[in-house]
């Protein structure tokens, strides 16, 4: 079992967001750097032939699994299925 906590994960994310707002000139509290960073990660995935929606689905699944209450008797120890749908996209 890993000693990494969700507080560690949040600190890593904050460091990434701090760097992102420094590079873009955004205001961390006034602007929406999380959404903008997610969009830019999509552009990066496009440039690197990575399935962005699949990565988003996996990321949300990881987040959900990591935030599950370990004392919940109904907890499932596998990553949940996540679906991302963009209205108007043609499959």
PDB file of N, CA and C in Angstrom:
ATOM      1  N   UNK A   1       0.842  -1.186   0.000  1.00  0.00           N
ATOM      2  CA  UNK A   1       0.000   0.000   0.000  1.00  0.00           C
ATOM      3  C   UNK A   1       0.885   1.247   0.000  1.00  0.00           C
ATOM      4  N   UNK A   2       0.469   2.236  -0.739  1.00  0.00           N
ATOM      5  CA  UNK A   2       1.236   3.459  -0.901  1.00  0.00           C
ATOM      6  C   UNK A   2       0.994   4.415   0.272  1.00  0.00           C
ATOM      7  N   UNK A   3       2.016   5.182   0.584  1.00  0.00           N
ATOM      8  CA  UNK A   3       1.875   6.199   1.623  1.00  0.00           C
ATOM      9  C   UNK A   3       1.446   7.543   1.048  1.00  0.00           C
ATOM     10  N   UNK A   4       1.156   7.582  -0.250  1.00  0.00           N
ATOM     11  CA  UNK A   4       0.721   8.816  -0.897  1.00  0.00           C
ATOM     12  C   UNK A   4      -0.713   9.105  -0.473  1.00  0.00           C
ATOM     13  N   UNK A   5      -0.948  10.349  -0.073  1.00  0.00           N
ATOM     14  CA  UNK A   5      -2.281  10.749   0.384  1.00  0.00           C
ATOM     15  C   UNK A   5      -2.948  11.650  -0.655  1.00  0.00           C
ATOM     16  N   UNK A   6      -4.231  11.843  -0.485  1.00  0.00           N
ATOM     17  CA  UNK A   6      -4.939  12.782  -1.355  1.00  0.00           C
ATOM     18  C   UNK A   6      -4.454  14.210  -1.135  1.00  0.00           C
ATOM     19  N   UNK A   7      -3.960  14.495   0.067  1.00  0.00           N
ATOM     20  CA  UNK A   7      -3.366  15.807   0.313  1.00  0.00           C
ATOM     21  C   UNK A   7      -2.094  15.978  -0.521  1.00  0.00           C
ATOM     22  N   UNK A   8      -1.304  14.900  -0.655  1.00  0.00           N
ATOM     23  CA  UNK A   8      -0.123  14.939  -1.536  1.00  0.00           C
ATOM     24  C   UNK A   8      -0.552  15.220  -2.970  1.00  0.00           C
ATOM     25  N   UNK A   9      -1.568  14.493  -3.427  1.00  0.00           N
ATOM     26  CA  UNK A   9      -2.047  14.658  -4.800  1.00  0.00           C
ATOM     27  C   UNK A   9      -2.541  16.079  -5.032  1.00  0.00           C
ATOM     28  N   UNK A  10      -3.258  16.635  -4.056  1.00  0.00           N
ATOM     29  CA  UNK A  10      -3.758  18.007  -4.177  1.00  0.00           C
ATOM     30  C   UNK A  10      -2.598  19.006  -4.227  1.00  0.00           C
ATOM     31  N   UNK A  11      -1.553  18.748  -3.473  1.00  0.00           N
ATOM     32  CA  UNK A  11      -0.383  19.645  -3.486  1.00  0.00           C
ATOM     33  C   UNK A  11       0.314  19.600  -4.847  1.00  0.00           C
ATOM     34  N   UNK A  12       0.412  18.399  -5.444  1.00  0.00           N
ATOM     35  CA  UNK A  12       1.014  18.296  -6.785  1.00  0.00           C
ATOM     36  C   UNK A  12       0.179  19.067  -7.801  1.00  0.00           C
ATOM     37  N   UNK A  13      -1.145  18.937  -7.695  1.00  0.00           N
ATOM     38  CA  UNK A  13      -2.031  19.644  -8.608  1.00  0.00           C
ATOM     39  C   UNK A  13      -1.904  21.150  -8.421  1.00  0.00           C
ATOM     40  N   UNK A  14      -1.792  21.584  -7.177  1.00  0.00           N
ATOM     41  CA  UNK A  14      -1.640  23.024  -6.936  1.00  0.00           C
ATOM     42  C   UNK A  14      -0.341  23.543  -7.529  1.00  0.00           C
ATOM     43  N   UNK A  15       0.729  22.771  -7.421  1.00  0.00           N
ATOM     44  CA  UNK A  15       2.009  23.190  -8.020  1.00  0.00           C
ATOM     45  C   UNK A  15       1.868  23.321  -9.536  1.00  0.00           C
ATOM     46  N   UNK A  16       1.160  22.382 -10.162  1.00  0.00           N
ATOM     47  CA  UNK A  16       0.943  22.443 -11.609  1.00  0.00           C
ATOM     48  C   UNK A  16       0.091  23.655 -11.974  1.00  0.00           C
ATOM     49  N   UNK A  17      -0.959  23.914 -11.201  1.00  0.00           N
ATOM     50  CA  UNK A  17      -1.817  25.065 -11.472  1.00  0.00           C
ATOM     51  C   UNK A  17      -1.059  26.362 -11.250  1.00  0.00           C
ATOM     52  N   UNK A  18      -0.257  26.435 -10.191  1.00  0.00           N
ATOM     53  CA  UNK A  18       0.548  27.641  -9.943  1.00  0.00           C
ATOM     54  C   UNK A  18       1.478  27.914 -11.117  1.00  0.00           C
ATOM     55  N   UNK A  19       2.132  26.880 -11.630  1.00  0.00           N
ATOM     56  CA  UNK A  19       3.017  27.064 -12.782  1.00  0.00           C
ATOM     57  C   UNK A  19       2.212  27.494 -14.011  1.00  0.00           C
ATOM     58  N   UNK A  20       1.057  26.870 -14.215  1.00  0.00           N
ATOM     59  CA  UNK A  20       0.208  27.200 -15.358  1.00  0.00           C
ATOM     60  C   UNK A  20      -0.231  28.658 -15.305  1.00  0.00           C
ATOM     61  N   UNK A  21      -0.705  29.131 -14.154  1.00  0.00           N
ATOM     62  CA  UNK A  21      -1.160  30.526 -14.072  1.00  0.00           C
ATOM     63  C   UNK A  21       0.018  31.488 -14.216  1.00  0.00           C
ATOM     64  N   UNK A  22       1.190  31.077 -13.758  1.00  0.00           N
ATOM     65  CA  UNK A  22       2.391  31.902 -13.944  1.00  0.00           C
ATOM     66  C   UNK A  22       2.699  32.043 -15.436  1.00  0.00           C
ATOM     67  N   UNK A  23       2.585  30.961 -16.180  1.00  0.00           N
ATOM     68  CA  UNK A  23       2.889  30.971 -17.611  1.00  0.00           C
ATOM     69  C   UNK A  23       1.830  31.701 -18.431  1.00  0.00           C
ATOM     70  N   UNK A  24       0.560  31.612 -18.014  1.00  0.00           N
ATOM     71  CA  UNK A  24      -0.532  32.184 -18.805  1.00  0.00           C
ATOM     72  C   UNK A  24      -0.945  33.580 -18.339  1.00  0.00           C
ATOM     73  N   UNK A  25      -0.508  33.979 -17.163  1.00  0.00           N
ATOM     74  CA  UNK A  25      -0.897  35.282 -16.643  1.00  0.00           C
ATOM     75  C   UNK A  25      -2.295  35.305 -16.045  1.00  0.00           C
ATOM     76  N   UNK A  26      -2.872  34.146 -15.849  1.00  0.00           N
ATOM     77  CA  UNK A  26      -4.208  34.092 -15.255  1.00  0.00           C
ATOM     78  C   UNK A  26      -4.147  34.372 -13.759  1.00  0.00           C
ATOM     79  N   UNK A  27      -5.290  34.695 -13.212  1.00  0.00           N
ATOM     80  CA  UNK A  27      -5.441  34.838 -11.770  1.00  0.00           C
ATOM     81  C   UNK A  27      -6.041  33.539 -11.252  1.00  0.00           C
ATOM     82  N   UNK A  28      -5.346  32.894 -10.337  1.00  0.00           N
ATOM     83  CA  UNK A  28      -5.772  31.578  -9.853  1.00  0.00           C
ATOM     84  C   UNK A  28      -7.171  31.608  -9.239  1.00  0.00           C
ATOM     85  N   UNK A  29      -7.535  32.699  -8.601  1.00  0.00           N
ATOM     86  CA  UNK A  29      -8.826  32.765  -7.925  1.00  0.00           C
ATOM     87  C   UNK A  29      -9.912  33.414  -8.780  1.00  0.00           C
ATOM     88  N   UNK A  30      -9.538  34.319  -9.667  1.00  0.00           N
ATOM     89  CA  UNK A  30     -10.522  35.042 -10.475  1.00  0.00           C
ATOM     90  C   UNK A  30     -10.846  34.327 -11.780  1.00  0.00           C
ATOM     91  N   UNK A  31      -9.844  33.743 -12.416  1.00  0.00           N
ATOM     92  CA  UNK A  31     -10.043  33.067 -13.694  1.00  0.00           C
ATOM     93  C   UNK A  31     -10.387  31.600 -13.437  1.00  0.00           C
ATOM     94  N   UNK A  32     -10.416  30.817 -14.468  1.00  0.00           N
ATOM     95  CA  UNK A  32     -10.748  29.397 -14.335  1.00  0.00           C
ATOM     96  C   UNK A  32      -9.580  28.566 -14.859  1.00  0.00           C
ATOM     97  N   UNK A  33      -8.446  28.590 -14.149  1.00  0.00           N
ATOM     98  CA  UNK A  33      -7.268  27.903 -14.665  1.00  0.00           C
ATOM     99  C   UNK A  33      -7.421  26.383 -14.749  1.00  0.00           C
ATOM    100  N   UNK A  34      -8.259  25.786 -13.911  1.00  0.00           N
ATOM    101  CA  UNK A  34      -8.427  24.332 -13.969  1.00  0.00           C
ATOM    102  C   UNK A  34      -9.036  23.937 -15.315  1.00  0.00           C
ATOM    103  N   UNK A  35     -10.142  24.591 -15.694  1.00  0.00           N
ATOM    104  CA  UNK A  35     -10.780  24.278 -16.974  1.00  0.00           C
ATOM    105  C   UNK A  35      -9.862  24.606 -18.138  1.00  0.00           C
ATOM    106  N   UNK A  36      -9.157  25.714 -18.066  1.00  0.00           N
ATOM    107  CA  UNK A  36      -8.255  26.102 -19.150  1.00  0.00           C
ATOM    108  C   UNK A  36      -7.101  25.109 -19.274  1.00  0.00           C
ATOM    109  N   UNK A  37      -6.575  24.663 -18.151  1.00  0.00           N
ATOM    110  CA  UNK A  37      -5.504  23.667 -18.176  1.00  0.00           C
ATOM    111  C   UNK A  37      -6.008  22.356 -18.763  1.00  0.00           C
ATOM    112  N   UNK A  38      -7.214  21.945 -18.386  1.00  0.00           N
ATOM    113  CA  UNK A  38      -7.787  20.727 -18.948  1.00  0.00           C
ATOM    114  C   UNK A  38      -7.912  20.865 -20.469  1.00  0.00           C
ATOM    115  N   UNK A  39      -8.409  22.006 -20.937  1.00  0.00           N
ATOM    116  CA  UNK A  39      -8.525  22.227 -22.381  1.00  0.00           C
ATOM    117  C   UNK A  39      -7.157  22.165 -23.055  1.00  0.00           C
ATOM    118  N   UNK A  40      -6.158  22.789 -22.442  1.00  0.00           N
ATOM    119  CA  UNK A  40      -4.812  22.774 -23.023  1.00  0.00           C
ATOM    120  C   UNK A  40      -4.206  21.378 -22.999  1.00  0.00           C
ATOM    121  N   UNK A  41      -4.540  20.584 -21.989  1.00  0.00           N
ATOM    122  CA  UNK A  41      -4.100  19.185 -21.979  1.00  0.00           C
ATOM    123  C   UNK A  41      -4.714  18.428 -23.152  1.00  0.00           C
ATOM    124  N   UNK A  42      -5.942  18.785 -23.509  1.00  0.00           N
ATOM    125  CA  UNK A  42      -6.570  18.194 -24.689  1.00  0.00           C
ATOM    126  C   UNK A  42      -5.790  18.525 -25.951  1.00  0.00           C
ATOM    127  N   UNK A  43      -5.347  19.772 -26.071  1.00  0.00           N
ATOM    128  CA  UNK A  43      -4.536  20.157 -27.233  1.00  0.00           C
ATOM    129  C   UNK A  43      -3.206  19.401 -27.238  1.00  0.00           C
ATOM    130  N   UNK A  44      -2.618  19.235 -26.060  1.00  0.00           N
ATOM    131  CA  UNK A  44      -1.361  18.491 -25.960  1.00  0.00           C
ATOM    132  C   UNK A  44      -1.577  17.037 -26.382  1.00  0.00           C
ATOM    133  N   UNK A  45      -2.681  16.445 -25.939  1.00  0.00           N
ATOM    134  CA  UNK A  45      -2.993  15.068 -26.343  1.00  0.00           C
ATOM    135  C   UNK A  45      -3.155  14.971 -27.857  1.00  0.00           C
ATOM    136  N   UNK A  46      -3.844  15.945 -28.452  1.00  0.00           N
ATOM    137  CA  UNK A  46      -4.002  15.952 -29.912  1.00  0.00           C
ATOM    138  C   UNK A  46      -2.648  15.962 -30.608  1.00  0.00           C
ATOM    139  N   UNK A  47      -1.747  16.798 -30.108  1.00  0.00           N
ATOM    140  CA  UNK A  47      -0.409  16.917 -30.715  1.00  0.00           C
ATOM    141  C   UNK A  47       0.438  15.664 -30.530  1.00  0.00           C
ATOM    142  N   UNK A  48       0.099  14.862 -29.524  1.00  0.00           N
ATOM    143  CA  UNK A  48       0.903  13.679 -29.203  1.00  0.00           C
ATOM    144  C   UNK A  48       0.158  12.359 -29.424  1.00  0.00           C
ATOM    145  N   UNK A  49      -0.920  12.434 -30.215  1.00  0.00           N
ATOM    146  CA  UNK A  49      -1.695  11.240 -30.577  1.00  0.00           C
ATOM    147  C   UNK A  49      -2.132  10.420 -29.359  1.00  0.00           C
ATOM    148  N   UNK A  50      -2.620  11.115 -28.338  1.00  0.00           N
ATOM    149  CA  UNK A  50      -3.136  10.470 -27.130  1.00  0.00           C
ATOM    150  C   UNK A  50      -4.647  10.706 -27.095  1.00  0.00           C
ATOM    151  N   UNK A  51      -5.402   9.668 -26.778  1.00  0.00           N
ATOM    152  CA  UNK A  51      -6.857   9.770 -26.700  1.00  0.00           C
ATOM    153  C   UNK A  51      -7.225  10.571 -25.447  1.00  0.00           C
ATOM    154  N   UNK A  52      -7.527  11.845 -25.658  1.00  0.00           N
ATOM    155  CA  UNK A  52      -7.804  12.763 -24.556  1.00  0.00           C
ATOM    156  C   UNK A  52      -9.023  12.323 -23.745  1.00  0.00           C
ATOM    157  N   UNK A  53     -10.116  11.968 -24.411  1.00  0.00           N
ATOM    158  CA  UNK A  53     -11.317  11.583 -23.670  1.00  0.00           C
ATOM    159  C   UNK A  53     -11.081  10.324 -22.843  1.00  0.00           C
ATOM    160  N   UNK A  54     -10.310   9.383 -23.380  1.00  0.00           N
ATOM    161  CA  UNK A  54      -9.990   8.179 -22.603  1.00  0.00           C
ATOM    162  C   UNK A  54      -9.143   8.552 -21.384  1.00  0.00           C
ATOM    163  N   UNK A  55      -8.214   9.485 -21.562  1.00  0.00           N
ATOM    164  CA  UNK A  55      -7.375   9.929 -20.443  1.00  0.00           C
ATOM    165  C   UNK A  55      -8.225  10.633 -19.384  1.00  0.00           C
ATOM    166  N   UNK A  56      -9.171  11.454 -19.818  1.00  0.00           N
ATOM    167  CA  UNK A  56     -10.077  12.138 -18.881  1.00  0.00           C
ATOM    168  C   UNK A  56     -10.915  11.116 -18.112  1.00  0.00           C
ATOM    169  N   UNK A  57     -11.445  10.134 -18.828  1.00  0.00           N
ATOM    170  CA  UNK A  57     -12.245   9.098 -18.174  1.00  0.00           C
ATOM    171  C   UNK A  57     -11.420   8.345 -17.132  1.00  0.00           C
ATOM    172  N   UNK A  58     -10.187   7.966 -17.491  1.00  0.00           N
ATOM    173  CA  UNK A  58      -9.324   7.265 -16.530  1.00  0.00           C
ATOM    174  C   UNK A  58      -9.017   8.161 -15.339  1.00  0.00           C
ATOM    175  N   UNK A  59      -8.720   9.422 -15.611  1.00  0.00           N
ATOM    176  CA  UNK A  59      -8.398  10.360 -14.532  1.00  0.00           C
ATOM    177  C   UNK A  59      -9.551  10.536 -13.563  1.00  0.00           C
ATOM    178  N   UNK A  60     -10.766  10.673 -14.090  1.00  0.00           N
ATOM    179  CA  UNK A  60     -11.934  10.804 -13.220  1.00  0.00           C
ATOM    180  C   UNK A  60     -12.131   9.520 -12.416  1.00  0.00           C
ATOM    181  N   UNK A  61     -11.926   8.383 -13.056  1.00  0.00           N
ATOM    182  CA  UNK A  61     -12.039   7.108 -12.350  1.00  0.00           C
ATOM    183  C   UNK A  61     -11.027   6.986 -11.225  1.00  0.00           C
ATOM    184  N   UNK A  62      -9.776   7.409 -11.500  1.00  0.00           N
ATOM    185  CA  UNK A  62      -8.749   7.384 -10.450  1.00  0.00           C
ATOM    186  C   UNK A  62      -9.157   8.288  -9.286  1.00  0.00           C
ATOM    187  N   UNK A  63      -9.593   9.503  -9.618  1.00  0.00           N
ATOM    188  CA  UNK A  63     -10.008  10.451  -8.576  1.00  0.00           C
ATOM    189  C   UNK A  63     -11.125   9.865  -7.724  1.00  0.00           C
ATOM    190  N   UNK A  64     -12.131   9.278  -8.386  1.00  0.00           N
ATOM    191  CA  UNK A  64     -13.264   8.721  -7.638  1.00  0.00           C
ATOM    192  C   UNK A  64     -12.819   7.573  -6.733  1.00  0.00           C
ATOM    193  N   UNK A  65     -11.966   6.699  -7.263  1.00  0.00           N
ATOM    194  CA  UNK A  65     -11.478   5.579  -6.456  1.00  0.00           C
ATOM    195  C   UNK A  65     -10.638   6.079  -5.284  1.00  0.00           C
ATOM    196  N   UNK A  66      -9.839   7.119  -5.511  1.00  0.00           N
ATOM    197  CA  UNK A  66      -8.962   7.642  -4.461  1.00  0.00           C
ATOM    198  C   UNK A  66      -9.732   8.381  -3.379  1.00  0.00           C
ATOM    199  N   UNK A  67     -10.933   8.854  -3.697  1.00  0.00           N
ATOM    200  CA  UNK A  67     -11.717   9.597  -2.707  1.00  0.00           C
ATOM    201  C   UNK A  67     -12.767   8.734  -2.016  1.00  0.00           C
ATOM    202  N   UNK A  68     -12.837   7.454  -2.372  1.00  0.00           N
ATOM    203  CA  UNK A  68     -13.804   6.556  -1.731  1.00  0.00           C
ATOM    204  C   UNK A  68     -13.438   6.370  -0.262  1.00  0.00           C
ATOM    205  N   UNK A  69     -14.440   6.295   0.559  1.00  0.00           N
ATOM    206  CA  UNK A  69     -14.246   6.095   1.993  1.00  0.00           C
ATOM    207  C   UNK A  69     -13.743   4.667   2.244  1.00  0.00           C
ATOM    208  N   UNK A  70     -12.523   4.526   2.780  1.00  0.00           N
ATOM    209  CA  UNK A  70     -11.985   3.183   2.989  1.00  0.00           C
ATOM    210  C   UNK A  70     -12.769   2.363   4.022  1.00  0.00           C
ATOM    211  N   UNK A  71     -13.579   3.027   4.839  1.00  0.00           N
ATOM    212  CA  UNK A  71     -14.367   2.321   5.852  1.00  0.00           C
ATOM    213  C   UNK A  71     -15.780   1.973   5.380  1.00  0.00           C
ATOM    214  N   UNK A  72     -16.120   2.366   4.143  1.00  0.00           N
ATOM    215  CA  UNK A  72     -17.441   2.072   3.591  1.00  0.00           C
ATOM    216  C   UNK A  72     -17.521   0.590   3.242  1.00  0.00           C
ATOM    217  N   UNK A  73     -18.437  -0.155   3.863  1.00  0.00           N
ATOM    218  CA  UNK A  73     -18.526  -1.592   3.575  1.00  0.00           C
ATOM    219  C   UNK A  73     -18.968  -1.885   2.138  1.00  0.00           C
ATOM    220  N   UNK A  74     -19.560  -0.907   1.459  1.00  0.00           N
ATOM    221  CA  UNK A  74     -19.992  -1.079   0.074  1.00  0.00           C
ATOM    222  C   UNK A  74     -18.947  -0.607  -0.937  1.00  0.00           C
ATOM    223  N   UNK A  75     -17.800  -0.192  -0.439  1.00  0.00           N
ATOM    224  CA  UNK A  75     -16.739   0.308  -1.321  1.00  0.00           C
ATOM    225  C   UNK A  75     -16.273  -0.801  -2.262  1.00  0.00           C
ATOM    226  N   UNK A  76     -16.080  -0.430  -3.494  1.00  0.00           N
ATOM    227  CA  UNK A  76     -15.537  -1.341  -4.491  1.00  0.00           C
ATOM    228  C   UNK A  76     -14.092  -0.924  -4.738  1.00  0.00           C
ATOM    229  N   UNK A  77     -13.174  -1.867  -4.646  1.00  0.00           N
ATOM    230  CA  UNK A  77     -11.759  -1.543  -4.769  1.00  0.00           C
ATOM    231  C   UNK A  77     -11.253  -1.536  -6.209  1.00  0.00           C
ATOM    232  N   UNK A  78     -12.153  -1.333  -7.150  1.00  0.00           N
ATOM    233  CA  UNK A  78     -11.725  -1.194  -8.538  1.00  0.00           C
ATOM    234  C   UNK A  78     -12.125   0.190  -9.020  1.00  0.00           C
ATOM    235  N   UNK A  79     -11.448   0.645 -10.072  1.00  0.00           N
ATOM    236  CA  UNK A  79     -11.761   1.951 -10.610  1.00  0.00           C
ATOM    237  C   UNK A  79     -13.139   1.910 -11.267  1.00  0.00           C
ATOM    238  N   UNK A  80     -14.017   2.860 -10.950  1.00  0.00           N
ATOM    239  CA  UNK A  80     -15.351   2.846 -11.532  1.00  0.00           C
ATOM    240  C   UNK A  80     -15.323   3.179 -13.023  1.00  0.00           C
ATOM    241  N   UNK A  81     -16.338   2.705 -13.722  1.00  0.00           N
ATOM    242  CA  UNK A  81     -16.498   3.064 -15.130  1.00  0.00           C
ATOM    243  C   UNK A  81     -16.961   4.511 -15.207  1.00  0.00           C
ATOM    244  N   UNK A  82     -16.387   5.261 -16.131  1.00  0.00           N
ATOM    245  CA  UNK A  82     -16.735   6.666 -16.317  1.00  0.00           C
ATOM    246  C   UNK A  82     -17.014   6.876 -17.798  1.00  0.00           C
ATOM    247  N   UNK A  83     -18.062   7.617 -18.085  1.00  0.00           N
ATOM    248  CA  UNK A  83     -18.393   7.943 -19.465  1.00  0.00           C
ATOM    249  C   UNK A  83     -18.348   9.448 -19.635  1.00  0.00           C
ATOM    250  N   UNK A  84     -17.680   9.901 -20.680  1.00  0.00           N
ATOM    251  CA  UNK A  84     -17.655  11.321 -21.031  1.00  0.00           C
ATOM    252  C   UNK A  84     -18.342  11.450 -22.375  1.00  0.00           C
ATOM    253  N   UNK A  85     -19.361  12.300 -22.429  1.00  0.00           N
ATOM    254  CA  UNK A  85     -20.092  12.500 -23.666  1.00  0.00           C
ATOM    255  C   UNK A  85     -20.050  13.962 -24.045  1.00  0.00           C
ATOM    256  N   UNK A  86     -19.777  14.220 -25.311  1.00  0.00           N
ATOM    257  CA  UNK A  86     -19.812  15.577 -25.822  1.00  0.00           C
ATOM    258  C   UNK A  86     -21.017  15.666 -26.753  1.00  0.00           C
ATOM    259  N   UNK A  87     -22.027  16.436 -26.357  1.00  0.00           N
ATOM    260  CA  UNK A  87     -23.213  16.567 -27.187  1.00  0.00           C
ATOM    261  C   UNK A  87     -22.829  17.136 -28.551  1.00  0.00           C
ATOM    262  N   UNK A  88     -23.403  16.543 -29.588  1.00  0.00           N
ATOM    263  CA  UNK A  88     -23.123  16.991 -30.943  1.00  0.00           C
ATOM    264  C   UNK A  88     -22.035  16.225 -31.641  1.00  0.00           C
ATOM    265  N   UNK A  89     -21.223  15.452 -30.881  1.00  0.00           N
ATOM    266  CA  UNK A  89     -20.193  14.624 -31.516  1.00  0.00           C
ATOM    267  C   UNK A  89     -20.843  13.442 -32.219  1.00  0.00           C
ATOM    268  N   UNK A  90     -20.301  13.109 -33.347  1.00  0.00           N
ATOM    269  CA  UNK A  90     -20.773  11.951 -34.076  1.00  0.00           C
ATOM    270  C   UNK A  90     -19.805  10.816 -33.799  1.00  0.00           C
ATOM    271  N   UNK A  91     -20.328   9.674 -33.265  1.00  0.00           N
ATOM    272  CA  UNK A  91     -19.415   8.566 -32.914  1.00  0.00           C
ATOM    273  C   UNK A  91     -18.710   7.979 -34.116  1.00  0.00           C
TER     274      UNK A  91
END
